[in-house]
Amino acid sequence: MKIALINPPWSFDGSIYFGCREPHLPLEYGYARALLEADGHQVLLLDGQLDGWTLPAMSDAMADFRPDMTVVTTAPSYLFWRCAPPELRGPQQTIEALRDNAGALIAIGPHASTTPTTTVRKLGVDLAIMGEAEETLRHVARTPQADWAQIPHVAWREANGQGQTRGGIGQCDMSALPALRWADASVQRHAHHHHRFDATPAGPGAEMETSRGCPYHCSFCAKENFRNAYRKRPLDVILEELDALILQGIEYVYFIDEIFLPNKELLQALVVRPVIFGVQTRIDLWNRDLLDLLGEAGCVSIEAGVESITEEGRNLLHKQSRLTTDEISSRLVHARSRVPFVQANLIDAKVDDTDAVEEWRQHLLQFGVWANKPVPLFRYPGSPDYTRLWGQPDEQAWERAHAHYLANHVDFSDVQDAHPRPLGELELPTHARR
């Protein structure tokens, strides 16, 4: 079978999208391609963001390849499945441009996982995969299309337009996913060093996973419908993938783990490798000795989720923090003595005093720790915060969350447009598509 894996050429104009807008390695497609090729399928990966494919060029490539099925993701990168653009404009435009040469159409990503039948309807696809997609895609490719409705973790629409799902949310066996390999040209094109601020990059960057999922259940995090349960990748597989990237000339790796937990064996292996890296973690999970080892291993960037400067705020967000605010501050300062850039993330939980937040930020800045001004909270469908307010996501889940966000905030994140547009203005109307 011929299978095309498509990452759209993303545009974020008018979007409230929180994530980085630079290209990143499409890890989900890397795994899927490896599994599909192991089964004998021919796979074409077109990355509109990293490789600069325009929609007309993609269409021409698809006409030459003539795939039996085409997969389109609803988030720019696996790194941002938890905070994807709410609108489906990019996938919609891509599917419309490729539809005539696409074969069967399949959607993956956070929208397909959280609101699967809505995503099938909005995109006009034959199937959506709920949850982590790599192993389910392999199952789909092994199954005649007439029997796809019998596969677990999928959604589709009946001839009468009724949406159907089967099997709940899919989750991968991380020990079964291989070490990824990337073309030299793609690696050399990856100039971006995600969340690195200590120096100007001298060589290519990359992204990797050492684990997937998180053992915590913060109220704002939309992870419950994908990448939920914490699972580690085998150390030998991680190092095989990393060593291949080092041979390709990468200088920096960003570990996209939902939460980079202390792992002494991994850190000791990184100490002896010529690579620097960044992580996202919780500072309350690290003691001083492990932070010393983290710095020795080559960490140059820590993004630490603090969220609130008060115990009340952290409890409201279900952070289950082990430390007091003073202890968190002390731990951040110690981390900064070992790592060139340390950031404390804050969310506007509506309970912290503005002057107290600014005082805390300025205190940390004296020691070189950067804390952002609290960012507005978007209640992503699939997050506990969304469910608490509105119940389980329905056909209007993304519209509801988006309208609530615009109605309740005047100031937005510094990576967002000053005046984000309503979701209905960003997406193509369903009736406009065939």
Protein backbone atom coordinates (compact mmCIF):
# COMPACT_ATOMS: atom_id res chain seq x y z
CA MET A 1 0.00 0.00 0.00
CA LYS A 2 1.08 3.57 -0.69
CA ILE A 3 0.57 5.89 2.29
CA ALA A 4 1.11 9.66 2.48
CA LEU A 5 1.75 11.35 5.84
CA ILE A 6 1.02 15.08 5.66
CA ASN A 7 1.97 17.91 8.01
CA PRO A 8 0.18 21.02 6.65
CA PRO A 9 1.96 24.28 5.81
CA TRP A 10 0.64 26.00 8.93
CA SER A 11 -0.54 29.59 9.20
CA PHE A 12 -1.34 31.12 12.59
CA ASP A 13 -2.80 34.46 11.49
CA GLY A 14 -5.64 35.41 13.82
CA SER A 15 -5.09 32.33 16.00
CA ILE A 16 -4.83 32.13 19.78
CA TYR A 17 -2.23 29.36 19.29
CA PHE A 18 0.15 29.28 22.29
CA GLY A 19 2.89 27.09 20.85
CA CYS A 20 6.14 27.79 19.06
CA ARG A 21 5.65 28.63 15.40
CA GLU A 22 8.98 27.30 14.19
CA PRO A 23 9.22 23.87 12.47
CA HIS A 24 9.90 20.78 14.60
CA LEU A 25 10.55 17.15 13.73
CA PRO A 26 7.19 15.36 13.30
CA LEU A 27 7.90 12.57 15.79
CA GLU A 28 4.47 10.97 15.42
CA TYR A 29 5.04 10.58 11.69
CA GLY A 30 8.58 9.34 12.24
CA TYR A 31 7.30 6.45 14.34
CA ALA A 32 4.37 5.79 12.00
CA ARG A 33 6.62 5.72 8.94
CA ALA A 34 9.00 3.26 10.59
CA LEU A 35 6.18 0.90 11.59
CA LEU A 36 4.46 1.11 8.20
CA GLU A 37 7.67 0.56 6.24
CA ALA A 38 8.47 -2.43 8.46
CA ASP A 39 5.18 -3.91 7.21
CA GLY A 40 6.22 -3.38 3.58
CA HIS A 41 4.22 -0.24 2.80
CA GLN A 42 5.58 2.61 0.69
CA VAL A 43 5.44 5.86 2.69
CA LEU A 44 5.70 9.48 1.53
CA LEU A 45 6.14 12.08 4.30
CA LEU A 46 5.43 15.65 3.21
CA ASP A 47 6.11 18.22 5.93
CA GLY A 48 4.74 21.57 4.88
CA GLN A 49 6.37 23.31 7.83
CA LEU A 50 9.86 21.82 8.12
CA ASP A 51 10.43 21.17 4.41
CA GLY A 52 8.56 24.19 3.07
CA TRP A 53 6.02 22.40 0.90
CA THR A 54 3.34 24.68 -0.55
CA LEU A 55 -0.10 23.24 -1.20
CA PRO A 56 0.33 23.29 -5.02
CA ALA A 57 3.68 21.51 -4.70
CA MET A 58 2.14 18.99 -2.30
CA SER A 59 -0.68 18.37 -4.77
CA ASP A 60 1.79 17.70 -7.57
CA ALA A 61 3.78 15.30 -5.37
CA MET A 62 0.59 13.47 -4.41
CA ALA A 63 -0.47 13.19 -8.05
CA ASP A 64 2.88 11.52 -8.80
CA PHE A 65 2.77 9.26 -5.74
CA ARG A 66 -0.95 8.31 -5.98
CA PRO A 67 -1.41 7.12 -2.38
CA ASP A 68 -4.03 4.61 -1.33
CA MET A 69 -4.50 6.53 1.89
CA THR A 70 -3.43 9.93 3.22
CA VAL A 71 -3.02 10.96 6.85
CA VAL A 72 -3.31 14.59 7.98
CA THR A 73 -2.56 15.84 11.50
CA THR A 74 -4.48 18.58 13.32
CA ALA A 75 -1.46 19.97 15.24
CA PRO A 76 1.86 21.33 13.94
CA SER A 77 3.95 18.92 16.01
CA TYR A 78 3.57 16.21 18.62
CA LEU A 79 5.18 18.71 20.97
CA PHE A 80 2.00 20.80 20.78
CA TRP A 81 -0.80 18.25 20.84
CA ARG A 82 -1.65 19.62 24.31
CA CYS A 83 -1.95 23.21 23.08
CA ALA A 84 -2.79 22.94 19.39
CA PRO A 85 -4.44 25.70 17.36
CA PRO A 86 -8.14 25.36 18.22
CA GLU A 87 -9.12 26.01 14.62
CA LEU A 88 -8.87 23.36 11.90
CA ARG A 89 -8.09 25.84 9.13
CA GLY A 90 -4.68 24.38 8.22
CA PRO A 91 -5.86 20.76 7.94
CA GLN A 92 -9.03 21.87 6.11
CA GLN A 93 -7.11 23.82 3.49
CA THR A 94 -4.60 21.02 3.07
CA ILE A 95 -7.22 18.31 2.64
CA GLU A 96 -9.14 20.38 0.11
CA ALA A 97 -5.97 20.91 -1.93
CA LEU A 98 -5.02 17.22 -1.86
CA ARG A 99 -8.40 15.47 -1.83
CA ASP A 100 -8.48 14.50 -5.52
CA ASN A 101 -5.18 12.60 -5.24
CA ALA A 102 -5.35 11.46 -1.61
CA GLY A 103 -7.15 8.13 -1.67
CA ALA A 104 -8.80 7.42 1.68
CA LEU A 105 -8.38 10.32 4.11
CA ILE A 106 -7.50 9.87 7.79
CA ALA A 107 -7.16 12.51 10.51
CA ILE A 108 -4.96 12.20 13.59
CA GLY A 109 -4.15 14.66 16.35
CA PRO A 110 -5.72 16.29 19.41
CA HIS A 111 -8.97 17.24 17.65
CA ALA A 112 -9.40 13.71 16.32
CA SER A 113 -8.80 12.43 19.85
CA THR A 114 -11.00 14.83 21.82
CA THR A 115 -13.86 15.53 19.40
CA PRO A 116 -13.51 12.70 16.86
CA THR A 117 -16.87 12.78 15.08
CA THR A 118 -16.79 16.59 14.89
CA THR A 119 -13.33 16.37 13.33
CA VAL A 120 -14.51 13.81 10.78
CA ARG A 121 -17.37 16.14 9.83
CA LYS A 122 -15.32 19.35 9.67
CA LEU A 123 -12.49 17.82 7.67
CA GLY A 124 -14.59 15.55 5.48
CA VAL A 125 -12.30 12.57 6.12
CA ASP A 126 -13.10 8.87 6.03
CA LEU A 127 -11.65 8.09 9.44
CA ALA A 128 -10.24 9.77 12.56
CA ILE A 129 -7.88 8.04 14.98
CA MET A 130 -8.48 8.67 18.66
CA GLY A 131 -5.41 8.97 20.87
CA GLU A 132 -1.83 8.09 20.01
CA ALA A 133 -1.93 7.19 16.35
CA GLU A 134 1.21 5.25 15.46
CA GLU A 135 0.10 1.69 16.22
CA THR A 136 -3.50 2.29 15.14
CA LEU A 137 -2.31 3.53 11.74
CA ARG A 138 -0.43 0.28 11.36
CA HIS A 139 -3.67 -1.61 12.11
CA VAL A 140 -5.62 0.52 9.61
CA ALA A 141 -3.08 -0.15 6.87
CA ARG A 142 -3.38 -3.90 7.49
CA THR A 143 -7.19 -3.84 7.24
CA PRO A 144 -9.45 -3.52 4.16
CA GLN A 145 -11.25 -0.18 4.20
CA ALA A 146 -14.63 -1.91 4.33
CA ASP A 147 -13.64 -3.27 7.77
CA TRP A 148 -12.17 -0.10 9.28
CA ALA A 149 -15.19 0.35 11.55
CA GLN A 150 -14.12 -2.82 13.38
CA ILE A 151 -10.73 -1.37 14.36
CA PRO A 152 -10.36 0.00 17.93
CA HIS A 153 -9.70 3.72 18.53
CA VAL A 154 -11.37 5.11 15.38
CA ALA A 155 -14.26 7.39 14.45
CA TRP A 156 -16.23 7.72 11.23
CA ARG A 157 -19.57 8.88 9.82
CA GLU A 158 -22.30 6.59 8.59
CA ALA A 159 -23.98 7.19 5.24
CA ASN A 160 -26.77 9.04 7.07
CA GLY A 161 -24.23 11.46 8.56
CA GLN A 162 -24.35 9.97 12.06
CA GLY A 163 -20.96 10.00 13.79
CA GLN A 164 -19.70 6.73 15.27
CA THR A 165 -16.70 5.75 17.40
CA ARG A 166 -15.19 2.44 18.44
CA GLY A 167 -12.72 1.37 21.07
CA GLY A 168 -11.92 4.53 23.03
CA ILE A 169 -8.55 6.25 23.21
CA GLY A 170 -5.47 4.48 21.81
CA GLN A 171 -2.19 4.32 23.70
CA CYS A 172 1.13 3.06 22.34
CA ASP A 173 3.53 0.58 23.86
CA MET A 174 6.59 2.83 24.09
CA SER A 175 8.91 -0.17 24.28
CA ALA A 176 7.69 -1.20 20.80
CA LEU A 177 8.40 2.12 19.07
CA PRO A 178 11.77 2.17 17.27
CA ALA A 179 14.65 4.61 17.36
CA LEU A 180 13.80 7.27 14.78
CA ARG A 181 15.86 8.08 11.73
CA TRP A 182 15.67 11.34 9.79
CA ALA A 183 16.99 12.28 6.36
CA ASP A 184 20.19 14.31 6.46
CA ALA A 185 18.50 17.12 4.53
CA SER A 186 15.67 17.38 7.06
CA VAL A 187 18.09 17.47 9.98
CA GLN A 188 20.26 20.13 8.33
CA ARG A 189 17.14 22.18 7.62
CA HIS A 190 16.16 22.08 11.31
CA ALA A 191 17.96 25.25 12.42
CA HIS A 192 15.58 25.96 15.30
CA HIS A 193 16.65 25.17 18.87
CA HIS A 194 13.37 24.99 20.74
CA HIS A 195 13.27 27.03 23.96
CA ARG A 196 17.00 27.76 23.89
CA PHE A 197 18.13 31.25 24.86
CA ASP A 198 21.68 30.89 26.18
CA ALA A 199 23.53 31.27 22.86
CA THR A 200 23.14 31.53 19.10
CA PRO A 201 22.85 28.03 17.57
CA ALA A 202 25.97 26.79 15.82
CA GLY A 203 24.44 23.59 14.41
CA PRO A 204 21.08 21.93 13.76
CA GLY A 205 18.59 21.15 16.51
CA ALA A 206 16.19 18.24 16.98
CA GLU A 207 13.37 16.96 19.14
CA MET A 208 13.09 13.60 20.90
CA GLU A 209 11.00 11.76 23.48
CA THR A 210 12.44 9.92 26.46
CA SER A 211 8.98 9.27 27.87
CA ARG A 212 5.35 9.86 27.07
CA GLY A 213 2.54 10.86 29.38
CA CYS A 214 2.45 12.37 32.85
CA PRO A 215 1.52 10.95 36.28
CA TYR A 216 -0.05 14.27 37.32
CA HIS A 217 -3.50 15.64 36.48
CA CYS A 218 -3.26 19.42 36.43
CA SER A 219 -6.68 20.90 35.72
CA PHE A 220 -5.56 22.97 32.71
CA CYS A 221 -3.71 20.24 30.83
CA ALA A 222 -5.46 18.61 27.86
CA LYS A 223 -3.60 15.32 27.95
CA GLU A 224 -6.25 12.84 29.03
CA ASN A 225 -7.24 11.88 25.48
CA PHE A 226 -3.66 11.32 24.29
CA ARG A 227 -0.23 10.92 25.88
CA ASN A 228 -1.79 10.42 29.29
CA ALA A 229 -0.33 7.51 31.31
CA TYR A 230 3.38 7.93 32.03
CA ARG A 231 5.60 5.49 30.07
CA LYS A 232 9.38 5.52 29.60
CA ARG A 233 11.18 4.62 26.39
CA PRO A 234 13.94 2.02 26.76
CA LEU A 235 17.28 3.70 27.42
CA ASP A 236 19.10 1.81 24.66
CA VAL A 237 16.52 3.00 22.09
CA ILE A 238 16.80 6.61 23.28
CA LEU A 239 20.59 6.53 23.00
CA GLU A 240 20.51 4.83 19.60
CA GLU A 241 18.29 7.63 18.28
CA LEU A 242 20.35 10.34 19.93
CA ASP A 243 23.69 8.97 18.71
CA ALA A 244 22.37 8.90 15.14
CA LEU A 245 21.35 12.56 15.42
CA ILE A 246 24.76 13.47 16.84
CA LEU A 247 26.42 11.80 13.85
CA GLN A 248 24.21 13.94 11.61
CA GLY A 249 25.66 17.05 13.24
CA ILE A 250 22.95 18.16 15.66
CA GLU A 251 24.09 20.39 18.50
CA TYR A 252 20.93 20.59 20.61
CA VAL A 253 17.97 18.35 21.47
CA TYR A 254 14.72 19.36 23.08
CA PHE A 255 13.04 16.53 24.95
CA ILE A 256 9.33 16.96 24.32
CA ASP A 257 8.24 14.76 27.25
CA GLU A 258 5.13 16.10 28.95
CA ILE A 259 7.26 16.00 32.06
CA PHE A 260 10.99 15.22 32.03
CA LEU A 261 11.26 13.31 35.29
CA PRO A 262 14.60 12.78 37.07
CA ASN A 263 16.30 9.76 35.49
CA LYS A 264 19.81 9.30 36.83
CA GLU A 265 20.76 6.57 34.36
CA LEU A 266 19.76 8.71 31.37
CA LEU A 267 21.50 11.80 32.72
CA GLN A 268 24.71 9.87 33.29
CA ALA A 269 24.57 8.65 29.68
CA LEU A 270 24.11 12.24 28.48
CA VAL A 271 27.15 13.45 30.44
CA VAL A 272 29.52 11.65 28.07
CA ARG A 273 27.77 12.72 24.83
CA PRO A 274 28.61 15.89 22.89
CA VAL A 275 25.11 17.38 22.97
CA ILE A 276 23.21 20.02 24.90
CA PHE A 277 19.50 19.88 25.57
CA GLY A 278 16.37 21.49 26.97
CA VAL A 279 13.52 20.06 29.04
CA GLN A 280 10.09 20.85 30.42
CA THR A 281 9.57 19.64 33.98
CA ARG A 282 8.38 20.41 37.51
CA ILE A 283 11.07 21.90 39.69
CA ASP A 284 9.56 20.37 42.85
CA LEU A 285 10.51 16.88 41.60
CA TRP A 286 14.26 17.65 41.55
CA ASN A 287 16.60 17.81 44.49
CA ARG A 288 19.84 19.78 44.39
CA ASP A 289 22.06 16.79 43.62
CA LEU A 290 19.93 15.82 40.63
CA LEU A 291 19.87 19.41 39.39
CA ASP A 292 23.67 19.39 39.58
CA LEU A 293 23.70 16.23 37.46
CA LEU A 294 21.18 17.76 35.04
CA GLY A 295 23.53 20.67 34.43
CA GLU A 296 26.55 18.38 34.12
CA ALA A 297 24.66 16.29 31.55
CA GLY A 298 24.38 19.31 29.24
CA CYS A 299 21.01 20.87 30.04
CA VAL A 300 20.94 24.51 28.95
CA SER A 301 17.20 25.20 29.23
CA ILE A 302 14.57 24.35 31.85
CA GLU A 303 10.92 25.25 31.40
CA ALA A 304 9.41 24.66 34.84
CA GLY A 305 5.67 24.64 35.37
CA VAL A 306 5.02 26.60 38.58
CA GLU A 307 1.65 28.04 37.41
CA SER A 308 0.83 30.01 40.62
CA ILE A 309 2.84 31.77 43.35
CA THR A 310 0.39 30.69 46.07
CA GLU A 311 -0.56 27.35 47.52
CA GLU A 312 -4.20 28.27 46.93
CA GLY A 313 -3.57 28.82 43.23
CA ARG A 314 -1.56 25.64 42.81
CA ASN A 315 -4.25 23.63 44.59
CA LEU A 316 -6.91 25.19 42.38
CA LEU A 317 -4.95 23.94 39.36
CA HIS A 318 -4.42 20.52 41.00
CA LYS A 319 -0.63 20.87 40.90
CA GLN A 320 -0.09 18.68 43.98
CA SER A 321 3.17 20.53 44.60
CA ARG A 322 5.57 19.11 47.19
CA LEU A 323 7.16 22.47 47.98
CA THR A 324 6.13 25.81 49.41
CA THR A 325 6.53 28.90 47.27
CA ASP A 326 9.76 29.83 49.06
CA GLU A 327 11.11 26.33 48.49
CA ILE A 328 10.14 26.50 44.81
CA SER A 329 11.97 29.82 44.51
CA SER A 330 15.08 28.39 46.18
CA ARG A 331 15.03 25.34 43.90
CA LEU A 332 14.68 27.53 40.80
CA VAL A 333 17.62 29.68 41.89
CA HIS A 334 19.76 26.59 42.47
CA ALA A 335 18.80 25.25 39.04
CA ARG A 336 19.87 28.56 37.49
CA SER A 337 23.30 28.19 39.10
CA ARG A 338 23.75 24.99 37.06
CA VAL A 339 21.72 25.66 33.88
CA PRO A 340 22.07 28.79 31.72
CA PHE A 341 18.35 29.42 31.23
CA VAL A 342 15.59 28.64 33.71
CA GLN A 343 11.99 29.72 33.20
CA ALA A 344 9.12 29.52 35.69
CA ASN A 345 5.80 29.31 33.86
CA LEU A 346 2.83 31.11 35.40
CA ILE A 347 -0.87 30.81 34.50
CA ASP A 348 -3.48 33.42 35.34
CA ALA A 349 -5.54 31.44 37.86
CA LYS A 350 -7.40 34.60 38.97
CA VAL A 351 -6.37 34.12 42.60
CA ASP A 352 -2.86 35.61 42.79
CA ASP A 353 -2.36 39.26 43.69
CA THR A 354 -0.89 41.14 40.72
CA ASP A 355 1.61 43.11 42.81
CA ALA A 356 2.72 39.95 44.64
CA VAL A 357 3.27 38.17 41.34
CA GLU A 358 5.40 41.02 40.04
CA GLU A 359 7.42 41.12 43.28
CA TRP A 360 8.07 37.39 42.98
CA ARG A 361 9.10 37.75 39.33
CA GLN A 362 11.51 40.55 40.12
CA HIS A 363 13.01 38.56 43.01
CA LEU A 364 13.77 35.64 40.69
CA LEU A 365 15.16 37.94 38.01
CA GLN A 366 17.83 39.07 40.47
CA PHE A 367 19.18 35.50 40.28
CA GLY A 368 18.77 35.13 36.53
CA VAL A 369 15.53 33.11 36.62
CA TRP A 370 12.91 34.32 34.14
CA ALA A 371 9.23 34.06 35.10
CA ASN A 372 6.65 35.03 32.52
CA LYS A 373 3.72 37.24 33.33
CA PRO A 374 0.73 34.96 34.02
CA VAL A 375 -0.80 33.86 30.72
CA PRO A 376 -4.57 33.59 30.19
CA LEU A 377 -5.98 30.10 30.64
CA PHE A 378 -7.58 28.50 27.57
CA ARG A 379 -9.84 25.66 28.65
CA TYR A 380 -8.94 23.06 26.05
CA PRO A 381 -11.60 20.46 25.30
CA GLY A 382 -10.43 17.33 27.05
CA SER A 383 -8.91 19.17 30.00
CA PRO A 384 -10.39 18.80 33.50
CA ASP A 385 -11.08 22.56 33.52
CA TYR A 386 -13.23 22.25 30.40
CA THR A 387 -15.14 19.26 31.78
CA ARG A 388 -15.74 21.00 35.12
CA LEU A 389 -17.39 23.96 33.36
CA TRP A 390 -19.23 22.33 30.49
CA GLY A 391 -19.12 18.56 30.78
CA GLN A 392 -17.80 16.20 28.12
CA PRO A 393 -16.84 17.82 24.79
CA ASP A 394 -19.61 17.89 22.19
CA GLU A 395 -20.03 19.20 18.63
CA GLN A 396 -19.49 22.80 19.79
CA ALA A 397 -16.64 22.14 22.23
CA TRP A 398 -13.91 24.07 20.43
CA GLU A 399 -16.24 26.96 19.56
CA ARG A 400 -17.45 27.16 23.17
CA ALA A 401 -13.95 27.17 24.68
CA HIS A 402 -12.69 29.67 22.10
CA ALA A 403 -15.59 32.10 22.58
CA HIS A 404 -15.19 31.90 26.37
CA TYR A 405 -11.49 32.71 26.05
CA LEU A 406 -12.07 35.74 23.83
CA ALA A 407 -14.92 37.00 26.00
CA ASN A 408 -12.96 36.79 29.26
CA HIS A 409 -9.57 38.18 28.27
CA VAL A 410 -8.41 41.52 26.96
CA ASP A 411 -4.67 40.80 27.09
CA PHE A 412 -3.27 37.68 25.47
CA SER A 413 -0.03 35.72 25.40
CA ASP A 414 2.87 37.56 23.78
CA VAL A 415 3.07 34.89 21.04
CA GLN A 416 -0.56 35.42 20.05
CA ASP A 417 -2.05 38.00 17.73
CA ALA A 418 -3.18 41.14 19.53
CA HIS A 419 -6.75 40.58 18.31
CA PRO A 420 -7.43 36.87 17.74
CA ARG A 421 -10.39 36.16 15.48
CA PRO A 422 -13.43 34.03 16.37
CA LEU A 423 -13.16 30.35 15.49
CA GLY A 424 -15.95 30.57 12.93
CA GLU A 425 -13.95 33.14 10.96
CA LEU A 426 -10.84 30.94 10.92
CA GLU A 427 -12.34 27.65 9.78
CA LEU A 428 -13.84 26.81 6.41
CA PRO A 429 -17.61 26.33 6.50
CA THR A 430 -18.53 22.67 6.24
CA HIS A 431 -20.87 23.29 3.32
CA ALA A 432 -17.98 24.69 1.27
CA ARG A 433 -16.36 21.28 1.08
CA ARG A 434 -17.33 18.31 -1.01
